[in-house]
N, C-alpha and C. Protein backbone atom coordinates (compact mmCIF):
# COMPACT_ATOMS: atom_id res chain seq x y z
N UNK A 1 0.90 -1.15 -0.47
CA UNK A 1 0.47 -0.14 -0.43
C UNK A 1 1.28 1.32 -0.12
N UNK A 2 2.13 0.96 -0.50
CA UNK A 2 2.68 2.07 -0.92
C UNK A 2 2.12 3.61 -1.79
N UNK A 3 2.32 4.63 -0.65
CA UNK A 3 1.93 5.83 -2.22
C UNK A 3 2.96 6.79 -2.58
N UNK A 4 2.69 7.40 -3.19
CA UNK A 4 3.40 8.20 -3.69
C UNK A 4 3.84 9.52 -3.21
N UNK A 5 4.49 10.51 -2.95
CA UNK A 5 4.50 12.08 -2.78
C UNK A 5 4.02 12.82 -4.18
N UNK A 6 3.21 12.15 -5.08
CA UNK A 6 3.16 13.15 -5.92
C UNK A 6 2.17 12.03 -6.76
N UNK A 7 0.81 12.60 -7.20
CA UNK A 7 -0.36 11.81 -7.77
C UNK A 7 0.14 12.24 -9.89
N UNK A 8 1.21 13.01 -10.12
CA UNK A 8 1.02 13.28 -10.88
C UNK A 8 1.47 12.40 -11.98
N UNK A 9 1.05 12.01 -13.12
CA UNK A 9 1.54 10.88 -14.41
C UNK A 9 2.84 11.30 -15.36
N UNK A 10 3.89 10.43 -15.09
CA UNK A 10 4.70 10.99 -15.91
C UNK A 10 4.50 11.15 -17.58
N UNK A 11 3.36 10.33 -17.55
CA UNK A 11 2.74 9.92 -19.05
C UNK A 11 1.96 10.73 -20.08
N UNK A 12 1.19 11.35 -18.67
CA UNK A 12 0.04 12.24 -18.83
C UNK A 12 1.21 14.04 -19.19
N UNK A 13 2.05 14.07 -18.18
CA UNK A 13 3.08 14.80 -18.37
C UNK A 13 3.55 15.37 -19.91
N UNK A 14 4.11 13.92 -20.38
CA UNK A 14 5.08 13.85 -21.24
C UNK A 14 3.84 14.26 -22.59
N UNK A 15 2.58 13.73 -22.61
CA UNK A 15 1.28 13.66 -23.66
C UNK A 15 1.69 15.21 -23.83
N UNK A 16 1.19 15.91 -22.67
CA UNK A 16 0.71 17.44 -22.60
C UNK A 16 1.87 18.05 -23.52
N UNK A 17 3.09 17.72 -22.80
CA UNK A 17 3.62 18.53 -23.76
C UNK A 17 4.19 18.39 -24.77
N UNK A 18 3.97 17.02 -25.42
CA UNK A 18 3.32 16.70 -27.04
C UNK A 18 3.20 17.84 -27.73
N UNK A 19 2.27 18.07 -26.85
CA UNK A 19 0.76 18.57 -27.66
C UNK A 19 0.86 20.34 -27.61
N UNK A 20 1.79 21.04 -26.38
CA UNK A 20 2.26 22.40 -26.54
C UNK A 20 3.34 21.89 -25.55
N UNK A 21 4.36 22.92 -26.00
CA UNK A 21 5.81 23.28 -25.60
C UNK A 21 5.16 23.73 -24.38
N UNK A 22 5.74 23.20 -22.77
CA UNK A 22 5.52 24.06 -21.61
C UNK A 22 4.33 23.87 -20.70
N UNK A 23 3.01 22.47 -21.71
CA UNK A 23 1.95 21.94 -20.81
C UNK A 23 1.95 21.43 -20.30
N UNK A 24 3.16 20.25 -20.48
CA UNK A 24 3.48 19.16 -19.57
C UNK A 24 4.08 19.96 -18.19
N UNK A 25 4.66 21.20 -18.30
CA UNK A 25 5.11 21.43 -17.46
C UNK A 25 4.27 22.56 -16.35
N UNK A 26 3.09 22.71 -17.45
CA UNK A 26 2.25 23.68 -16.34
C UNK A 26 1.19 22.69 -15.43
N UNK A 27 1.66 21.08 -15.95
CA UNK A 27 0.85 20.49 -15.53
C UNK A 27 1.23 19.50 -14.09
N UNK A 28 2.89 20.07 -14.39
CA UNK A 28 3.55 19.62 -13.41
C UNK A 28 3.51 20.84 -12.29
N UNK A 29 2.65 22.20 -12.52
CA UNK A 29 3.06 23.26 -11.43
C UNK A 29 4.27 23.70 -11.83
N UNK A 30 5.18 23.63 -12.57
CA UNK A 30 6.08 24.22 -12.74
C UNK A 30 6.25 25.18 -13.63
N UNK A 31 5.52 26.75 -13.27
CA UNK A 31 5.43 27.68 -13.72
C UNK A 31 6.41 28.20 -14.40
N UNK A 32 7.79 28.89 -13.93
CA UNK A 32 8.77 29.35 -15.00
C UNK A 32 9.51 27.67 -15.87
N UNK A 33 9.73 27.10 -15.66
CA UNK A 33 10.05 25.78 -16.40
C UNK A 33 9.61 26.10 -17.61
N UNK A 34 7.97 25.97 -17.22
CA UNK A 34 7.18 25.64 -18.42
C UNK A 34 7.44 27.58 -19.76
N UNK A 35 7.43 28.46 -18.68
CA UNK A 35 7.64 29.66 -19.24
C UNK A 35 9.07 29.69 -19.81
N UNK A 36 10.02 28.84 -19.57
CA UNK A 36 11.20 29.40 -19.85
C UNK A 36 11.24 28.27 -21.12
N UNK A 37 10.33 27.19 -21.12
CA UNK A 37 10.67 25.90 -22.25
C UNK A 37 9.84 27.04 -23.41
N UNK A 38 8.78 27.69 -23.37
CA UNK A 38 8.02 28.50 -24.34
C UNK A 38 8.78 29.68 -24.39
N UNK A 39 9.58 30.36 -24.03
CA UNK A 39 10.82 30.68 -24.07
C UNK A 39 11.60 30.41 -25.23
N UNK A 40 11.82 29.49 -24.85
CA UNK A 40 13.02 28.67 -25.74
C UNK A 40 12.72 27.85 -27.28
N UNK A 41 11.44 27.77 -27.28
CA UNK A 41 10.59 27.60 -28.79
C UNK A 41 10.78 28.31 -29.35
N UNK A 42 10.12 29.69 -28.87
CA UNK A 42 10.26 31.17 -29.28
C UNK A 42 11.51 31.78 -30.21
N UNK A 43 12.23 31.17 -29.36
CA UNK A 43 13.67 32.20 -29.91
C UNK A 43 14.11 30.91 -30.87
N UNK A 44 14.17 30.25 -30.46
CA UNK A 44 15.01 28.80 -31.80
C UNK A 44 14.22 29.09 -33.14
N UNK A 45 12.83 29.17 -32.75
CA UNK A 45 12.24 29.05 -34.18
C UNK A 45 12.93 30.70 -34.95
N UNK A 46 12.38 31.94 -33.72
CA UNK A 46 13.01 33.32 -34.61
C UNK A 46 14.29 33.07 -34.80
N UNK A 47 15.30 32.43 -34.67
CA UNK A 47 16.86 32.47 -34.71
C UNK A 47 16.89 31.43 -35.87
N UNK A 48 16.54 30.38 -35.99
CA UNK A 48 16.52 29.07 -36.84
C UNK A 48 15.75 28.91 -37.96
N UNK A 49 14.85 29.14 -38.21
CA UNK A 49 13.54 28.60 -38.58
C UNK A 49 13.28 29.29 -40.00
N UNK A 50 13.45 29.49 -40.84
CA UNK A 50 12.91 30.36 -41.75
C UNK A 50 11.41 29.74 -41.70
N UNK A 51 10.54 31.87 -41.81
CA UNK A 51 9.20 31.37 -41.69
C UNK A 51 8.43 31.04 -42.89
N UNK A 52 8.92 31.05 -44.33
CA UNK A 52 8.59 29.96 -45.10
C UNK A 52 8.44 28.76 -45.11
N UNK A 53 9.75 28.08 -44.89
CA UNK A 53 9.70 26.53 -44.56
C UNK A 53 9.11 26.12 -43.80
N UNK A 54 8.33 27.00 -42.47
CA UNK A 54 7.72 26.50 -41.16
C UNK A 54 6.34 26.37 -42.13
N UNK A 55 5.94 27.99 -42.68
CA UNK A 55 4.34 28.03 -43.65
C UNK A 55 4.59 26.65 -43.74
N UNK A 56 5.25 25.98 -44.91
CA UNK A 56 5.16 24.99 -46.17
C UNK A 56 4.66 23.97 -45.19
N UNK A 57 5.92 23.88 -44.32
CA UNK A 57 5.77 22.73 -43.08
C UNK A 57 4.39 22.67 -42.91
N UNK A 58 3.60 23.67 -42.04
CA UNK A 58 2.48 23.82 -41.49
C UNK A 58 1.33 23.51 -42.56
N UNK A 59 1.18 23.86 -43.54
CA UNK A 59 0.09 23.62 -44.55
C UNK A 59 0.08 22.50 -45.33
N UNK A 60 1.25 21.48 -45.18
CA UNK A 60 2.03 19.89 -45.60
C UNK A 60 2.17 20.58 -46.83
N UNK A 61 2.70 21.33 -47.67
CA UNK A 61 3.29 21.59 -48.64
C UNK A 61 5.25 21.43 -48.81
N UNK A 62 5.55 20.50 -48.01
CA UNK A 62 7.00 20.86 -47.73
C UNK A 62 7.59 19.06 -48.12
N UNK A 63 8.69 19.98 -48.44
CA UNK A 63 9.13 18.05 -48.63
C UNK A 63 10.25 18.30 -48.01
N UNK A 64 11.74 17.82 -47.62
CA UNK A 64 13.07 16.66 -47.01
C UNK A 64 13.37 18.12 -46.92
N UNK A 65 13.38 19.09 -47.70
CA UNK A 65 14.40 20.38 -47.19
C UNK A 65 13.85 20.93 -46.15
N UNK A 66 12.21 21.66 -46.47
CA UNK A 66 11.91 22.40 -45.62
C UNK A 66 11.39 21.67 -44.19
N UNK A 67 11.44 20.05 -44.03
CA UNK A 67 11.41 19.52 -42.50
C UNK A 67 12.81 20.33 -41.88
N UNK A 68 14.13 19.39 -42.70
CA UNK A 68 15.01 20.31 -42.43
C UNK A 68 15.49 21.00 -41.40
N UNK A 69 14.78 22.17 -41.83
CA UNK A 69 14.86 23.43 -41.55
C UNK A 69 14.22 23.72 -40.16
N UNK A 70 12.87 22.64 -40.01
CA UNK A 70 12.14 23.11 -38.56
C UNK A 70 12.06 22.13 -37.77
N UNK A 71 13.37 21.54 -38.02
CA UNK A 71 13.86 20.43 -37.19
C UNK A 71 14.58 21.20 -35.91
N UNK A 72 15.25 22.66 -35.78
CA UNK A 72 15.59 22.75 -34.79
C UNK A 72 13.52 22.94 -33.58
N UNK A 73 13.40 23.44 -33.78
CA UNK A 73 12.34 23.46 -33.18
C UNK A 73 11.81 22.68 -32.59
N UNK A 74 11.45 21.04 -33.25
CA UNK A 74 11.34 20.07 -33.26
C UNK A 74 12.05 19.38 -32.04
N UNK A 75 13.32 19.56 -32.45
CA UNK A 75 14.43 19.55 -30.51
C UNK A 75 14.09 20.06 -29.68
N UNK A 76 13.92 21.22 -29.80
CA UNK A 76 13.40 21.67 -28.22
C UNK A 76 12.05 20.88 -28.22
N UNK A 77 11.01 21.16 -28.70
CA UNK A 77 10.14 20.32 -28.93
C UNK A 77 10.00 18.62 -27.89
N UNK A 78 10.76 18.18 -28.17
CA UNK A 78 11.30 16.70 -27.99
C UNK A 78 12.04 16.74 -26.44
N UNK A 79 13.24 18.24 -26.38
CA UNK A 79 13.70 18.30 -25.24
C UNK A 79 12.99 18.58 -24.27
N UNK A 80 11.75 19.40 -24.23
CA UNK A 80 10.92 19.53 -23.19
C UNK A 80 9.85 18.26 -23.14
N UNK A 81 9.75 17.71 -23.76
CA UNK A 81 8.85 16.57 -23.27
C UNK A 81 9.69 16.09 -22.82
N UNK A 82 10.82 15.12 -22.83
CA UNK A 82 11.81 14.64 -21.79
C UNK A 82 11.96 14.74 -20.97
N UNK A 83 12.40 16.60 -20.52
CA UNK A 83 11.71 17.07 -19.16
C UNK A 83 10.92 16.99 -18.41
N UNK A 84 9.50 17.07 -18.87
CA UNK A 84 8.43 17.13 -18.40
C UNK A 84 8.59 15.42 -17.83
N UNK A 85 8.70 14.49 -18.52
CA UNK A 85 8.76 12.99 -18.04
C UNK A 85 9.32 13.07 -16.81
N UNK A 86 10.96 13.21 -17.21
CA UNK A 86 11.91 12.80 -16.33
C UNK A 86 11.31 13.72 -15.08
N UNK A 87 10.45 14.63 -15.21
CA UNK A 87 10.79 15.77 -13.36
C UNK A 87 9.49 14.77 -13.18
N UNK A 88 8.17 14.51 -13.98
CA UNK A 88 7.53 13.99 -13.27
C UNK A 88 7.31 12.49 -12.55
N UNK A 89 8.68 11.88 -13.01
CA UNK A 89 8.72 10.43 -12.78
C UNK A 89 9.48 10.51 -11.97
N UNK A 90 10.59 11.73 -11.60
CA UNK A 90 11.49 12.13 -10.29
C UNK A 90 10.67 12.40 -9.20
N UNK A 91 9.71 13.27 -9.15
CA UNK A 91 8.80 12.77 -8.15
C UNK A 91 7.85 12.38 -7.75
N UNK A 92 7.76 10.83 -8.12
CA UNK A 92 6.64 10.07 -7.85
C UNK A 92 7.79 8.87 -6.74
N UNK A 93 8.35 9.76 -5.35
CA UNK A 93 9.40 8.57 -4.92
C UNK A 93 8.29 8.10 -4.31
N UNK A 94 8.32 6.90 -3.89
CA UNK A 94 7.42 5.95 -2.75
C UNK A 94 7.63 6.53 -1.43
N UNK A 95 6.98 6.57 -0.35
CA UNK A 95 6.76 7.35 0.97
C UNK A 95 7.03 6.34 1.77
N UNK A 96 6.68 5.04 1.83
CA UNK A 96 7.12 4.08 2.58
C UNK A 96 7.78 3.02 1.87
N UNK A 97 9.41 3.14 2.32
CA UNK A 97 10.63 2.38 1.34
C UNK A 97 9.94 0.93 1.77
N UNK A 98 9.58 0.77 3.17
CA UNK A 98 10.70 -0.45 3.67
C UNK A 98 9.15 -1.09 4.48
N UNK A 99 8.94 -2.42 3.41
CA UNK A 99 7.72 -2.55 3.81
C UNK A 99 7.45 -2.95 5.41
N UNK A 100 8.38 -3.83 5.74
CA UNK A 100 8.52 -4.41 6.50
C UNK A 100 8.49 -3.48 8.26
N UNK A 101 9.06 -2.20 7.86
CA UNK A 101 9.04 -0.88 8.78
C UNK A 101 7.61 -0.74 8.94
N UNK A 102 7.22 -0.42 7.69
CA UNK A 102 5.76 0.18 7.94
C UNK A 102 4.48 -0.42 8.55
N UNK A 103 5.14 -2.06 8.61
CA UNK A 103 3.97 -3.10 8.94
C UNK A 103 4.11 -2.85 10.68
N UNK A 104 5.27 -2.57 11.34
CA UNK A 104 4.98 -2.01 12.88
C UNK A 104 4.72 -1.42 13.21
N UNK A 105 4.26 -0.16 11.84
CA UNK A 105 4.23 1.28 12.47
C UNK A 105 2.85 1.50 12.24
N UNK A 106 1.75 1.20 10.95
CA UNK A 106 1.11 1.36 10.94
C UNK A 106 -0.13 0.34 11.20
N UNK A 107 -1.08 1.24 11.22
CA UNK A 107 -2.95 0.38 12.20
C UNK A 107 -2.87 -0.37 11.54
N UNK A 108 -3.07 -1.90 11.74
CA UNK A 108 -3.35 -3.26 11.04
C UNK A 108 -4.90 -3.28 10.47
N UNK A 109 -5.66 -2.15 10.58
CA UNK A 109 -7.16 -2.31 10.04
C UNK A 109 -7.69 -0.86 9.21
N UNK A 110 -6.25 0.56 9.55
CA UNK A 110 -6.29 1.40 8.39
C UNK A 110 -5.29 1.56 7.43
N UNK A 111 -4.25 1.10 8.27
CA UNK A 111 -3.22 1.33 7.89
C UNK A 111 -1.83 2.46 7.88
N UNK A 112 -2.38 3.73 8.28
CA UNK A 112 -2.23 4.83 8.91
C UNK A 112 -1.20 4.87 9.70
N UNK A 113 0.03 5.64 9.86
CA UNK A 113 1.00 5.64 11.34
C UNK A 113 0.11 6.00 12.40
N UNK A 114 0.87 5.01 12.95
CA UNK A 114 0.66 4.71 14.85
C UNK A 114 1.08 6.12 15.78
N UNK A 115 0.75 6.35 16.74
CA UNK A 115 1.13 7.03 18.09
C UNK A 115 1.75 6.39 18.67
N UNK A 116 2.66 6.14 19.39
CA UNK A 116 3.15 4.51 20.31
C UNK A 116 2.95 5.42 21.85
N UNK A 117 2.30 6.15 21.89
CA UNK A 117 1.77 6.77 23.22
C UNK A 117 -0.08 6.04 23.43
N UNK A 118 -0.55 6.04 22.05
CA UNK A 118 -1.75 5.62 22.11
C UNK A 118 -2.20 4.30 21.98
N UNK A 119 -3.44 3.22 23.07
CA UNK A 119 -3.55 2.53 22.70
C UNK A 119 -4.08 1.97 21.86
N UNK A 120 -4.52 2.43 21.17
CA UNK A 120 -5.60 2.62 19.35
C UNK A 120 -5.12 3.86 19.10
N UNK A 121 -5.55 3.54 17.43
CA UNK A 121 -6.00 4.20 16.11
C UNK A 121 -6.00 5.47 16.36
N UNK A 122 -5.40 6.25 16.43
CA UNK A 122 -5.81 7.98 16.47
C UNK A 122 -6.69 8.29 14.96
N UNK A 123 -6.25 7.42 13.94
CA UNK A 123 -7.48 7.46 12.60
C UNK A 123 -8.52 7.07 12.46
N UNK A 124 -8.49 5.62 13.16
CA UNK A 124 -9.72 5.06 12.52
C UNK A 124 -10.76 4.71 14.16
N UNK A 125 -9.87 5.30 15.65
CA UNK A 125 -10.14 4.79 16.85
C UNK A 125 -10.34 3.40 16.97
N UNK A 126 -10.15 2.75 16.55
CA UNK A 126 -10.73 1.16 16.92
C UNK A 126 -8.87 0.27 17.37
N UNK A 127 -9.28 -0.46 18.60
CA UNK A 127 -8.11 -0.43 19.56
C UNK A 127 -7.24 -1.35 18.73
N UNK A 128 -5.66 -1.16 19.52
CA UNK A 128 -4.67 -1.65 18.51
C UNK A 128 -3.93 -2.75 20.03
N UNK A 129 -4.15 -4.29 19.25
CA UNK A 129 -4.13 -5.34 20.46
C UNK A 129 -2.69 -6.05 19.93
N UNK A 130 -2.77 -5.95 18.65
CA UNK A 130 -1.16 -7.10 18.05
C UNK A 130 -0.19 -6.08 17.72
N UNK A 131 0.16 -5.14 18.19
CA UNK A 131 1.14 -4.24 17.38
C UNK A 131 2.11 -4.56 18.72
N UNK A 132 3.29 -4.17 17.84
CA UNK A 132 4.32 -4.34 19.33
C UNK A 132 4.45 -3.19 19.87
N UNK A 133 4.42 -2.68 20.69
CA UNK A 133 4.26 -1.27 21.45
C UNK A 133 5.71 -1.30 22.37
N UNK A 134 6.26 -2.36 21.90
CA UNK A 134 8.42 -1.95 22.21
C UNK A 134 8.84 -1.22 20.97
N UNK A 135 8.71 -1.74 19.90
CA UNK A 135 9.08 -1.40 18.47
C UNK A 135 8.77 0.20 18.26
N UNK A 136 7.45 0.55 18.47
CA UNK A 136 6.58 2.09 18.69
C UNK A 136 7.53 3.01 19.48
N UNK A 137 8.17 2.54 20.62
CA UNK A 137 8.34 3.46 21.44
C UNK A 137 10.12 3.38 21.36
N UNK A 138 10.35 2.26 21.01
CA UNK A 138 12.17 2.35 19.58
C UNK A 138 12.32 3.28 18.77
N UNK A 139 10.92 3.47 18.14
CA UNK A 139 10.85 4.58 17.12
C UNK A 139 10.85 6.13 17.64
N UNK A 140 10.32 5.73 18.39
CA UNK A 140 9.90 7.45 19.31
C UNK A 140 10.99 7.78 20.16
N UNK A 141 12.05 7.20 20.13
CA UNK A 141 13.09 7.38 20.92
C UNK A 141 12.51 7.79 22.32
N UNK A 142 11.56 6.35 23.03
CA UNK A 142 11.19 6.51 24.47
C UNK A 142 12.26 5.56 25.29
């Protein structure tokens, strides 16, 4: 029953980043990073992409030459997509790493963390009889 610190889905961040540059980062609530990738795509387009080749590519009247001219823009979009995916994936760190330790300090009824000073679960209010109290006291430093 290990839960993550973030419920953001890496595949959804990646898909959104492919649809529009920076959208995956907005989904992850990384506002500055989203604006940075959007600015990077505008700068790369302005500096390296010929406007007539971009128009030909968008309308579908393009050949291999126009596709190569638009390649820097697709490089930025690809890097933005990869960054959004890796960022979302790095935020999904399991909260309970050791299942054995989680069992000794969690309620057998609801699974939430127990307070060693109480003889019942403060979350579900059911009595705790099977939990080893010495382990709970060691964890709390008593």
